[in-house]
Amino acid sequence: MIAIGIFGPTASGKSLIGEALAERIPAELVSADAMQVYRGLPILTNQSAAETRLVAVWPLDHEASVGEYAALAHAAIDEILAAGRTPVVVGGTGLYLRAALADLALPPAPAPGTREHWTRLYDEAGADAAHARLQQLDPRAAAAVHRNDRRRVLRALELAEMGESLVPAEDRLWAEETRHPTLVVGLDLPKPVLERRIEERTRAMFDAGVEEEVRRALAGPISATARKTLGLDEIATLPREEAIAAVVVRTRRYAAYQRKWMRRVPGLAIVDADRSPGEIADEIVTLARTRERVPRS
């Protein structure tokens, strides 16, 4: 049996392709999206209407972690395979996709008080002082992280104190080993097509009521990780047309980042995504069946 991973930039059609695959082979969908794990933001996070595991599993006040997600994803994938079905892992969060498909060597949680110590340094002594300390402890991480990127500077300092690095000497993330035989497909689209889709999808979210959804979400407790949902702050603070423009810009930047992630995946099968979901699903089924592990209906 084989697992299938579908990765691609936002608005490339991952969910629809996953649904088309499930119509063609005995399969179940598993989300690998860092924000779709939350309940309460289905429009903003583009949650599929099709049954998908690991969607809306945590409330908005839950502090998510890759390690916690990985445990759930491994259990779901193992259960699907044990039932004789194909897990189709769909996601645009590269780290979550990899965490679902492989055993990651994740660093340990910091000791109590560590985050508070480095936060005080950053907030009281300033970004320059915190970054200078990082330069002393981990020059590689300091070279990779801008001093004004507060979150990453703090995380890098935490890891350095534990003898780990935010930028390890080896790229442990995208090694070839996976927990099960896996076909990982990357969706490729011409940049103008992707940018048009992003704008169309953004406007469709506003037409579907995303502004009211965001107001409801922010009326209650919300974790630091959930607050990172792309577009949340823009929709909450800007007039509608300004918010649409800002979300489009941020989403396009994120899509460019995701395309860079794709180039890091060893053995990735690039598929032309400027076609119907059904055509793409047919090609993926053919690719998978050449490995003689996908059961026929």
C-alpha atoms as a PDB file:
ATOM      1  CA  MET A   1       0.000   0.000   0.000  1.00  0.00           C
ATOM      2  CA  ILE A   2       1.092   3.529  -0.733  1.00  0.00           C
ATOM      3  CA  ALA A   3       0.266   6.910   0.744  1.00  0.00           C
ATOM      4  CA  ILE A   4      -0.207   9.933  -1.510  1.00  0.00           C
ATOM      5  CA  GLY A   5       0.840  13.423  -0.534  1.00  0.00           C
ATOM      6  CA  ILE A   6      -0.449  16.442  -2.470  1.00  0.00           C
ATOM      7  CA  PHE A   7       1.467  19.665  -1.966  1.00  0.00           C
ATOM      8  CA  GLY A   8       1.198  22.971  -3.737  1.00  0.00           C
ATOM      9  CA  PRO A   9       0.710  26.681  -3.275  1.00  0.00           C
ATOM     10  CA  THR A  10      -2.513  28.023  -1.870  1.00  0.00           C
ATOM     11  CA  ALA A  11      -5.336  28.181  -4.454  1.00  0.00           C
ATOM     12  CA  SER A  12      -3.700  25.499  -6.620  1.00  0.00           C
ATOM     13  CA  GLY A  13      -6.702  23.199  -6.139  1.00  0.00           C
ATOM     14  CA  LYS A  14      -5.308  20.677  -3.637  1.00  0.00           C
ATOM     15  CA  SER A  15      -8.609  19.950  -1.893  1.00  0.00           C
ATOM     16  CA  LEU A  16     -10.612  19.472  -5.099  1.00  0.00           C
ATOM     17  CA  ILE A  17      -7.923  17.179  -6.493  1.00  0.00           C
ATOM     18  CA  GLY A  18      -7.944  15.166  -3.272  1.00  0.00           C
ATOM     19  CA  GLU A  19     -11.717  14.825  -3.513  1.00  0.00           C
ATOM     20  CA  ALA A  20     -11.421  13.687  -7.145  1.00  0.00           C
ATOM     21  CA  LEU A  21      -8.858  11.083  -6.104  1.00  0.00           C
ATOM     22  CA  ALA A  22     -11.234   9.735  -3.454  1.00  0.00           C
ATOM     23  CA  GLU A  23     -13.817   9.230  -6.210  1.00  0.00           C
ATOM     24  CA  ARG A  24     -11.364   7.125  -8.212  1.00  0.00           C
ATOM     25  CA  ILE A  25      -9.693   4.898  -5.605  1.00  0.00           C
ATOM     26  CA  PRO A  26     -10.577   3.668  -2.108  1.00  0.00           C
ATOM     27  CA  ALA A  27      -9.087   6.631  -0.251  1.00  0.00           C
ATOM     28  CA  GLU A  28      -9.532   8.969   2.691  1.00  0.00           C
ATOM     29  CA  LEU A  29      -8.349  12.554   2.905  1.00  0.00           C
ATOM     30  CA  VAL A  30      -6.051  13.829   5.652  1.00  0.00           C
ATOM     31  CA  SER A  31      -5.399  17.557   6.006  1.00  0.00           C
ATOM     32  CA  ALA A  32      -1.847  18.839   6.438  1.00  0.00           C
ATOM     33  CA  ASP A  33      -2.731  22.480   6.976  1.00  0.00           C
ATOM     34  CA  ALA A  34      -1.612  24.328  10.104  1.00  0.00           C
ATOM     35  CA  MET A  35      -4.741  26.498  10.219  1.00  0.00           C
ATOM     36  CA  GLN A  36      -7.428  24.058   9.084  1.00  0.00           C
ATOM     37  CA  VAL A  37      -6.909  22.192  12.361  1.00  0.00           C
ATOM     38  CA  TYR A  38      -8.963  24.949  14.027  1.00  0.00           C
ATOM     39  CA  ARG A  39     -12.703  25.174  14.421  1.00  0.00           C
ATOM     40  CA  GLY A  40     -14.377  28.524  13.894  1.00  0.00           C
ATOM     41  CA  LEU A  41     -12.660  29.767  10.712  1.00  0.00           C
ATOM     42  CA  PRO A  42     -13.881  27.442   7.937  1.00  0.00           C
ATOM     43  CA  ILE A  43     -14.188  30.199   5.312  1.00  0.00           C
ATOM     44  CA  LEU A  44     -10.901  31.930   6.078  1.00  0.00           C
ATOM     45  CA  THR A  45      -8.944  28.662   6.151  1.00  0.00           C
ATOM     46  CA  ASN A  46     -10.709  27.249   3.055  1.00  0.00           C
ATOM     47  CA  GLN A  47     -11.905  24.079   4.735  1.00  0.00           C
ATOM     48  CA  SER A  48     -13.268  21.511   2.325  1.00  0.00           C
ATOM     49  CA  ALA A  49     -16.873  20.387   2.535  1.00  0.00           C
ATOM     50  CA  ALA A  50     -15.709  16.829   1.885  1.00  0.00           C
ATOM     51  CA  GLU A  51     -14.979  14.593   4.859  1.00  0.00           C
ATOM     52  CA  THR A  52     -11.339  15.164   5.752  1.00  0.00           C
ATOM     53  CA  ARG A  53      -9.438  14.042   8.804  1.00  0.00           C
ATOM     54  CA  LEU A  54      -7.658  16.575  11.034  1.00  0.00           C
ATOM     55  CA  VAL A  55      -9.875  19.475   9.992  1.00  0.00           C
ATOM     56  CA  ALA A  56     -11.516  21.507  12.780  1.00  0.00           C
ATOM     57  CA  VAL A  57     -10.112  19.280  15.531  1.00  0.00           C
ATOM     58  CA  TRP A  58      -9.055  22.030  17.980  1.00  0.00           C
ATOM     59  CA  PRO A  59     -10.813  25.109  19.371  1.00  0.00           C
ATOM     60  CA  LEU A  60      -9.381  28.525  18.587  1.00  0.00           C
ATOM     61  CA  ASP A  61      -7.846  28.907  22.036  1.00  0.00           C
ATOM     62  CA  HIS A  62      -5.700  25.780  21.602  1.00  0.00           C
ATOM     63  CA  GLU A  63      -1.934  26.298  21.226  1.00  0.00           C
ATOM     64  CA  ALA A  64      -1.077  24.005  18.329  1.00  0.00           C
ATOM     65  CA  SER A  65       2.261  22.277  17.828  1.00  0.00           C
ATOM     66  CA  VAL A  66       3.784  20.228  15.038  1.00  0.00           C
ATOM     67  CA  GLY A  67       4.496  17.390  17.459  1.00  0.00           C
ATOM     68  CA  GLU A  68       0.880  17.149  18.584  1.00  0.00           C
ATOM     69  CA  TYR A  69      -0.332  17.274  14.982  1.00  0.00           C
ATOM     70  CA  ALA A  70       2.176  14.603  13.897  1.00  0.00           C
ATOM     71  CA  ALA A  71       0.880  12.121  16.461  1.00  0.00           C
ATOM     72  CA  LEU A  72      -2.695  12.578  15.225  1.00  0.00           C
ATOM     73  CA  ALA A  73      -1.657  12.363  11.566  1.00  0.00           C
ATOM     74  CA  HIS A  74       0.362   9.186  12.063  1.00  0.00           C
ATOM     75  CA  ALA A  75      -2.569   7.521  13.841  1.00  0.00           C
ATOM     76  CA  ALA A  76      -4.983   8.548  11.081  1.00  0.00           C
ATOM     77  CA  ILE A  77      -2.716   7.376   8.254  1.00  0.00           C
ATOM     78  CA  ASP A  78      -1.992   4.050   9.952  1.00  0.00           C
ATOM     79  CA  GLU A  79      -5.713   3.466  10.512  1.00  0.00           C
ATOM     80  CA  ILE A  80      -6.561   4.222   6.872  1.00  0.00           C
ATOM     81  CA  LEU A  81      -3.848   1.892   5.601  1.00  0.00           C
ATOM     82  CA  ALA A  82      -4.919  -0.863   8.003  1.00  0.00           C
ATOM     83  CA  ALA A  83      -8.413  -0.627   6.520  1.00  0.00           C
ATOM     84  CA  GLY A  84      -6.977  -1.263   3.038  1.00  0.00           C
ATOM     85  CA  ARG A  85      -7.515   2.292   1.858  1.00  0.00           C
ATOM     86  CA  THR A  86      -5.151   4.965   0.539  1.00  0.00           C
ATOM     87  CA  PRO A  87      -4.424   7.985   2.726  1.00  0.00           C
ATOM     88  CA  VAL A  88      -4.322  11.136   0.612  1.00  0.00           C
ATOM     89  CA  VAL A  89      -2.513  13.781   2.641  1.00  0.00           C
ATOM     90  CA  VAL A  90      -3.425  17.223   1.328  1.00  0.00           C
ATOM     91  CA  GLY A  91      -1.737  20.382   2.483  1.00  0.00           C
ATOM     92  CA  GLY A  92       0.033  23.606   1.845  1.00  0.00           C
ATOM     93  CA  THR A  93       1.913  23.755   5.138  1.00  0.00           C
ATOM     94  CA  GLY A  94       5.201  22.085   4.256  1.00  0.00           C
ATOM     95  CA  LEU A  95       6.186  21.259   7.810  1.00  0.00           C
ATOM     96  CA  TYR A  96       2.800  19.673   8.549  1.00  0.00           C
ATOM     97  CA  LEU A  97       2.908  17.631   5.350  1.00  0.00           C
ATOM     98  CA  ARG A  98       6.338  16.314   6.218  1.00  0.00           C
ATOM     99  CA  ALA A  99       5.298  15.688   9.840  1.00  0.00           C
ATOM    100  CA  ALA A 100       2.360  13.608   8.607  1.00  0.00           C
ATOM    101  CA  LEU A 101       4.468  11.497   6.262  1.00  0.00           C
ATOM    102  CA  ALA A 102       7.677  11.003   8.251  1.00  0.00           C
ATOM    103  CA  ASP A 103       9.134  10.744  11.724  1.00  0.00           C
ATOM    104  CA  LEU A 104      10.613  14.174  12.364  1.00  0.00           C
ATOM    105  CA  ALA A 105      13.391  14.706  14.864  1.00  0.00           C
ATOM    106  CA  LEU A 106      11.647  17.568  16.611  1.00  0.00           C
ATOM    107  CA  PRO A 107      13.565  19.489  19.296  1.00  0.00           C
ATOM    108  CA  PRO A 108      12.385  19.083  22.892  1.00  0.00           C
ATOM    109  CA  ALA A 109      10.129  21.621  24.539  1.00  0.00           C
ATOM    110  CA  PRO A 110      12.047  24.414  26.285  1.00  0.00           C
ATOM    111  CA  ALA A 111      12.526  24.310  30.047  1.00  0.00           C
ATOM    112  CA  PRO A 112      10.012  26.312  32.119  1.00  0.00           C
ATOM    113  CA  GLY A 113      10.910  29.982  32.128  1.00  0.00           C
ATOM    114  CA  THR A 114      13.114  29.829  29.026  1.00  0.00           C
ATOM    115  CA  ARG A 115      10.696  31.651  26.731  1.00  0.00           C
ATOM    116  CA  GLU A 116      10.019  34.274  29.405  1.00  0.00           C
ATOM    117  CA  HIS A 117      13.758  34.890  29.869  1.00  0.00           C
ATOM    118  CA  TRP A 118      14.426  35.510  26.183  1.00  0.00           C
ATOM    119  CA  THR A 119      11.209  37.502  25.777  1.00  0.00           C
ATOM    120  CA  ARG A 120      12.355  39.918  28.493  1.00  0.00           C
ATOM    121  CA  LEU A 121      15.714  40.278  26.779  1.00  0.00           C
ATOM    122  CA  TYR A 122      14.089  41.041  23.421  1.00  0.00           C
ATOM    123  CA  ASP A 123      11.437  43.406  24.803  1.00  0.00           C
ATOM    124  CA  GLU A 124      13.555  45.224  27.374  1.00  0.00           C
ATOM    125  CA  ALA A 125      17.068  45.245  25.890  1.00  0.00           C
ATOM    126  CA  GLY A 126      15.813  45.452  22.328  1.00  0.00           C
ATOM    127  CA  ALA A 127      15.971  43.496  19.080  1.00  0.00           C
ATOM    128  CA  ASP A 128      19.618  44.362  18.459  1.00  0.00           C
ATOM    129  CA  ALA A 129      20.715  43.012  21.842  1.00  0.00           C
ATOM    130  CA  ALA A 130      18.689  39.805  21.432  1.00  0.00           C
ATOM    131  CA  HIS A 131      20.049  39.231  17.947  1.00  0.00           C
ATOM    132  CA  ALA A 132      23.608  39.904  19.157  1.00  0.00           C
ATOM    133  CA  ARG A 133      23.133  37.242  21.823  1.00  0.00           C
ATOM    134  CA  LEU A 134      21.881  34.849  19.170  1.00  0.00           C
ATOM    135  CA  GLN A 135      24.965  35.633  17.110  1.00  0.00           C
ATOM    136  CA  GLN A 136      27.101  34.500  20.056  1.00  0.00           C
ATOM    137  CA  LEU A 137      25.122  31.308  20.665  1.00  0.00           C
ATOM    138  CA  ASP A 138      24.258  30.234  17.100  1.00  0.00           C
ATOM    139  CA  PRO A 139      25.842  32.224  14.257  1.00  0.00           C
ATOM    140  CA  ARG A 140      24.104  30.105  11.578  1.00  0.00           C
ATOM    141  CA  ALA A 141      20.674  30.912  12.972  1.00  0.00           C
ATOM    142  CA  ALA A 142      21.576  34.579  13.432  1.00  0.00           C
ATOM    143  CA  ALA A 143      22.553  34.784   9.760  1.00  0.00           C
ATOM    144  CA  ALA A 144      19.221  33.269   8.714  1.00  0.00           C
ATOM    145  CA  VAL A 145      16.864  35.258  10.983  1.00  0.00           C
ATOM    146  CA  HIS A 146      16.279  39.008  10.779  1.00  0.00           C
ATOM    147  CA  ARG A 147      16.629  40.833  14.076  1.00  0.00           C
ATOM    148  CA  ASN A 148      13.087  42.220  13.757  1.00  0.00           C
ATOM    149  CA  ASP A 149      11.518  38.775  13.353  1.00  0.00           C
ATOM    150  CA  ARG A 150      10.683  38.540  17.048  1.00  0.00           C
ATOM    151  CA  ARG A 151       9.070  35.103  16.983  1.00  0.00           C
ATOM    152  CA  ARG A 152      11.924  33.390  15.145  1.00  0.00           C
ATOM    153  CA  VAL A 153      14.645  35.160  17.140  1.00  0.00           C
ATOM    154  CA  LEU A 154      13.027  33.964  20.375  1.00  0.00           C
ATOM    155  CA  ARG A 155      12.656  30.415  19.061  1.00  0.00           C
ATOM    156  CA  ALA A 156      16.267  30.397  17.865  1.00  0.00           C
ATOM    157  CA  LEU A 157      17.467  31.515  21.300  1.00  0.00           C
ATOM    158  CA  GLU A 158      15.396  28.795  22.980  1.00  0.00           C
ATOM    159  CA  LEU A 159      16.881  26.139  20.730  1.00  0.00           C
ATOM    160  CA  ALA A 160      20.422  27.462  21.140  1.00  0.00           C
ATOM    161  CA  GLU A 161      20.093  27.209  24.905  1.00  0.00           C
ATOM    162  CA  MET A 162      19.172  23.525  24.471  1.00  0.00           C
ATOM    163  CA  GLY A 163      22.094  22.858  22.141  1.00  0.00           C
ATOM    164  CA  GLU A 164      19.833  22.736  19.087  1.00  0.00           C
ATOM    165  CA  SER A 165      19.649  25.075  16.100  1.00  0.00           C
ATOM    166  CA  LEU A 166      16.908  26.705  14.128  1.00  0.00           C
ATOM    167  CA  VAL A 167      19.146  26.099  11.094  1.00  0.00           C
ATOM    168  CA  PRO A 168      20.679  22.620  11.511  1.00  0.00           C
ATOM    169  CA  ALA A 169      23.775  21.683   9.532  1.00  0.00           C
ATOM    170  CA  GLU A 170      21.715  19.012   7.717  1.00  0.00           C
ATOM    171  CA  ASP A 171      18.255  19.549   6.314  1.00  0.00           C
ATOM    172  CA  ARG A 172      16.509  16.926   8.408  1.00  0.00           C
ATOM    173  CA  LEU A 173      13.094  18.078   7.286  1.00  0.00           C
ATOM    174  CA  TRP A 174      13.073  16.819   3.717  1.00  0.00           C
ATOM    175  CA  ALA A 175      15.050  13.602   3.932  1.00  0.00           C
ATOM    176  CA  GLU A 176      13.728  10.896   1.617  1.00  0.00           C
ATOM    177  CA  GLU A 177      12.587   8.510   4.367  1.00  0.00           C
ATOM    178  CA  THR A 178       8.850   8.317   5.020  1.00  0.00           C
ATOM    179  CA  ARG A 179       6.930   6.112   7.424  1.00  0.00           C
ATOM    180  CA  HIS A 180       5.186   4.318   4.540  1.00  0.00           C
ATOM    181  CA  PRO A 181       5.864   4.095   0.799  1.00  0.00           C
ATOM    182  CA  THR A 182       4.667   7.459  -0.445  1.00  0.00           C
ATOM    183  CA  LEU A 183       4.095   9.293  -3.702  1.00  0.00           C
ATOM    184  CA  VAL A 184       4.399  13.042  -3.146  1.00  0.00           C
ATOM    185  CA  VAL A 185       2.901  15.182  -5.890  1.00  0.00           C
ATOM    186  CA  GLY A 186       3.650  18.876  -6.372  1.00  0.00           C
ATOM    187  CA  LEU A 187       1.097  21.046  -8.143  1.00  0.00           C
ATOM    188  CA  ASP A 188       2.586  23.519 -10.617  1.00  0.00           C
ATOM    189  CA  LEU A 189       0.714  26.491 -12.045  1.00  0.00           C
ATOM    190  CA  PRO A 190       1.797  29.441 -14.177  1.00  0.00           C
ATOM    191  CA  LYS A 191       2.217  32.466 -11.929  1.00  0.00           C
ATOM    192  CA  PRO A 192      -0.494  34.583 -13.650  1.00  0.00           C
ATOM    193  CA  VAL A 193      -3.019  31.752 -13.319  1.00  0.00           C
ATOM    194  CA  LEU A 194      -2.216  31.264  -9.638  1.00  0.00           C
ATOM    195  CA  GLU A 195      -2.432  34.992  -8.907  1.00  0.00           C
ATOM    196  CA  ARG A 196      -5.816  35.203 -10.623  1.00  0.00           C
ATOM    197  CA  ARG A 197      -7.101  32.239  -8.612  1.00  0.00           C
ATOM    198  CA  ILE A 198      -5.891  33.816  -5.375  1.00  0.00           C
ATOM    199  CA  GLU A 199      -7.798  37.033  -6.072  1.00  0.00           C
ATOM    200  CA  GLU A 200     -10.939  35.176  -7.130  1.00  0.00           C
ATOM    201  CA  ARG A 201     -10.860  32.982  -4.033  1.00  0.00           C
ATOM    202  CA  THR A 202     -10.270  35.959  -1.740  1.00  0.00           C
ATOM    203  CA  ARG A 203     -13.282  37.805  -3.128  1.00  0.00           C
ATOM    204  CA  ALA A 204     -15.359  34.627  -2.843  1.00  0.00           C
ATOM    205  CA  MET A 205     -14.444  34.397   0.856  1.00  0.00           C
ATOM    206  CA  PHE A 206     -15.776  37.899   1.458  1.00  0.00           C
ATOM    207  CA  ASP A 207     -18.945  37.121  -0.468  1.00  0.00           C
ATOM    208  CA  ALA A 208     -19.361  34.008   1.723  1.00  0.00           C
ATOM    209  CA  GLY A 209     -19.243  36.030   4.962  1.00  0.00           C
ATOM    210  CA  VAL A 210     -15.642  35.833   6.143  1.00  0.00           C
ATOM    211  CA  GLU A 211     -15.874  39.245   7.864  1.00  0.00           C
ATOM    212  CA  GLU A 212     -18.586  38.046  10.248  1.00  0.00           C
ATOM    213  CA  GLU A 213     -16.681  34.786  10.789  1.00  0.00           C
ATOM    214  CA  VAL A 214     -13.592  36.737  11.848  1.00  0.00           C
ATOM    215  CA  ARG A 215     -15.617  38.981  14.173  1.00  0.00           C
ATOM    216  CA  ARG A 216     -17.053  35.923  15.922  1.00  0.00           C
ATOM    217  CA  ALA A 217     -13.639  34.302  16.205  1.00  0.00           C
ATOM    218  CA  LEU A 218     -12.026  37.369  17.769  1.00  0.00           C
ATOM    219  CA  ALA A 219     -14.897  37.844  20.207  1.00  0.00           C
ATOM    220  CA  GLY A 220     -13.657  34.827  22.185  1.00  0.00           C
ATOM    221  CA  PRO A 221     -10.303  33.499  23.373  1.00  0.00           C
ATOM    222  CA  ILE A 222      -7.814  32.771  20.611  1.00  0.00           C
ATOM    223  CA  SER A 223      -4.349  31.268  20.850  1.00  0.00           C
ATOM    224  CA  ALA A 224      -1.135  32.769  19.518  1.00  0.00           C
ATOM    225  CA  THR A 225      -0.934  30.031  16.905  1.00  0.00           C
ATOM    226  CA  ALA A 226      -4.514  30.557  15.690  1.00  0.00           C
ATOM    227  CA  ARG A 227      -3.890  34.304  15.452  1.00  0.00           C
ATOM    228  CA  LYS A 228      -1.326  33.588  12.721  1.00  0.00           C
ATOM    229  CA  THR A 229      -4.115  32.611  10.315  1.00  0.00           C
ATOM    230  CA  LEU A 230      -3.426  34.488   7.105  1.00  0.00           C
ATOM    231  CA  GLY A 231      -5.810  37.405   6.652  1.00  0.00           C
ATOM    232  CA  LEU A 232      -7.224  37.445  10.170  1.00  0.00           C
ATOM    233  CA  ASP A 233      -5.788  40.804  11.214  1.00  0.00           C
ATOM    234  CA  GLU A 234      -6.389  42.475   7.854  1.00  0.00           C
ATOM    235  CA  ILE A 235     -10.050  41.478   7.802  1.00  0.00           C
ATOM    236  CA  ALA A 236     -10.515  42.553  11.419  1.00  0.00           C
ATOM    237  CA  THR A 237      -8.969  46.003  11.037  1.00  0.00           C
ATOM    238  CA  LEU A 238      -9.361  47.246   7.448  1.00  0.00           C
ATOM    239  CA  PRO A 239     -12.320  48.402   5.323  1.00  0.00           C
ATOM    240  CA  ARG A 240     -13.532  45.711   2.978  1.00  0.00           C
ATOM    241  CA  GLU A 241     -11.760  46.677  -0.251  1.00  0.00           C
ATOM    242  CA  GLU A 242      -8.520  47.467   1.570  1.00  0.00           C
ATOM    243  CA  ALA A 243      -8.752  44.155   3.394  1.00  0.00           C
ATOM    244  CA  ILE A 244      -9.290  42.265   0.129  1.00  0.00           C
ATOM    245  CA  ALA A 245      -6.251  43.923  -1.437  1.00  0.00           C
ATOM    246  CA  ALA A 246      -4.091  43.244   1.630  1.00  0.00           C
ATOM    247  CA  VAL A 247      -5.140  39.599   1.849  1.00  0.00           C
ATOM    248  CA  VAL A 248      -4.433  39.090  -1.856  1.00  0.00           C
ATOM    249  CA  VAL A 249      -0.922  40.533  -1.460  1.00  0.00           C
ATOM    250  CA  ARG A 250      -0.129  38.415   1.601  1.00  0.00           C
ATOM    251  CA  THR A 251      -1.545  35.277  -0.007  1.00  0.00           C
ATOM    252  CA  ARG A 252       0.536  35.761  -3.138  1.00  0.00           C
ATOM    253  CA  ARG A 253       3.656  36.129  -1.005  1.00  0.00           C
ATOM    254  CA  TYR A 254       2.766  32.982   0.899  1.00  0.00           C
ATOM    255  CA  ALA A 255       2.214  31.110  -2.367  1.00  0.00           C
ATOM    256  CA  ALA A 256       5.703  32.115  -3.513  1.00  0.00           C
ATOM    257  CA  TYR A 257       7.081  30.744  -0.240  1.00  0.00           C
ATOM    258  CA  GLN A 258       5.200  27.466  -0.733  1.00  0.00           C
ATOM    259  CA  ARG A 259       6.645  27.102  -4.251  1.00  0.00           C
ATOM    260  CA  LYS A 260      10.126  27.363  -2.719  1.00  0.00           C
ATOM    261  CA  TRP A 261       9.191  24.585  -0.291  1.00  0.00           C
ATOM    262  CA  MET A 262       8.237  22.357  -3.212  1.00  0.00           C
ATOM    263  CA  ARG A 263      11.743  22.545  -4.638  1.00  0.00           C
ATOM    264  CA  ARG A 264      13.102  21.037  -1.423  1.00  0.00           C
ATOM    265  CA  VAL A 265      11.089  17.817  -1.605  1.00  0.00           C
ATOM    266  CA  PRO A 266      13.192  14.870  -2.857  1.00  0.00           C
ATOM    267  CA  GLY A 267      11.517  12.640  -5.434  1.00  0.00           C
ATOM    268  CA  LEU A 268       8.632  15.067  -5.939  1.00  0.00           C
ATOM    269  CA  ALA A 269       6.409  14.300  -8.940  1.00  0.00           C
ATOM    270  CA  ILE A 270       5.528  17.648 -10.509  1.00  0.00           C
ATOM    271  CA  VAL A 271       2.055  17.748 -12.057  1.00  0.00           C
ATOM    272  CA  ASP A 272       0.542  20.461 -14.264  1.00  0.00           C
ATOM    273  CA  ALA A 273      -2.310  21.871 -12.172  1.00  0.00           C
ATOM    274  CA  ASP A 274      -3.771  24.159 -14.836  1.00  0.00           C
ATOM    275  CA  ARG A 275      -6.395  21.543 -15.683  1.00  0.00           C
ATOM    276  CA  SER A 276      -9.581  20.175 -14.190  1.00  0.00           C
ATOM    277  CA  PRO A 277      -9.302  18.344 -10.824  1.00  0.00           C
ATOM    278  CA  GLY A 278     -10.467  15.151 -12.523  1.00  0.00           C
ATOM    279  CA  GLU A 279      -7.712  15.221 -15.140  1.00  0.00           C
ATOM    280  CA  ILE A 280      -5.085  15.830 -12.486  1.00  0.00           C
ATOM    281  CA  ALA A 281      -6.485  13.062 -10.291  1.00  0.00           C
ATOM    282  CA  ASP A 282      -6.344  10.651 -13.232  1.00  0.00           C
ATOM    283  CA  GLU A 283      -2.664  11.451 -13.728  1.00  0.00           C
ATOM    284  CA  ILE A 284      -1.916  10.956 -10.027  1.00  0.00           C
ATOM    285  CA  VAL A 285      -3.683   7.585 -10.034  1.00  0.00           C
ATOM    286  CA  THR A 286      -1.586   6.536 -13.036  1.00  0.00           C
ATOM    287  CA  LEU A 287       1.608   7.656 -11.284  1.00  0.00           C
ATOM    288  CA  ALA A 288       0.652   5.759  -8.145  1.00  0.00           C
ATOM    289  CA  ARG A 289      -0.360   2.591  -9.971  1.00  0.00           C
ATOM    290  CA  THR A 290       2.996   2.395 -11.710  1.00  0.00           C
ATOM    291  CA  ARG A 291       4.263   1.588  -8.238  1.00  0.00           C
ATOM    292  CA  GLU A 292       1.687  -1.234  -8.063  1.00  0.00           C
ATOM    293  CA  ARG A 293       0.498  -0.402  -4.599  1.00  0.00           C
ATOM    294  CA  VAL A 294      -2.790   1.411  -5.080  1.00  0.00           C
ATOM    295  CA  PRO A 295      -5.813  -0.925  -5.014  1.00  0.00           C
ATOM    296  CA  ARG A 296      -8.396  -0.699  -7.762  1.00  0.00           C
ATOM    297  CA  SER A 297     -12.006  -0.058  -6.868  1.00  0.00           C
END
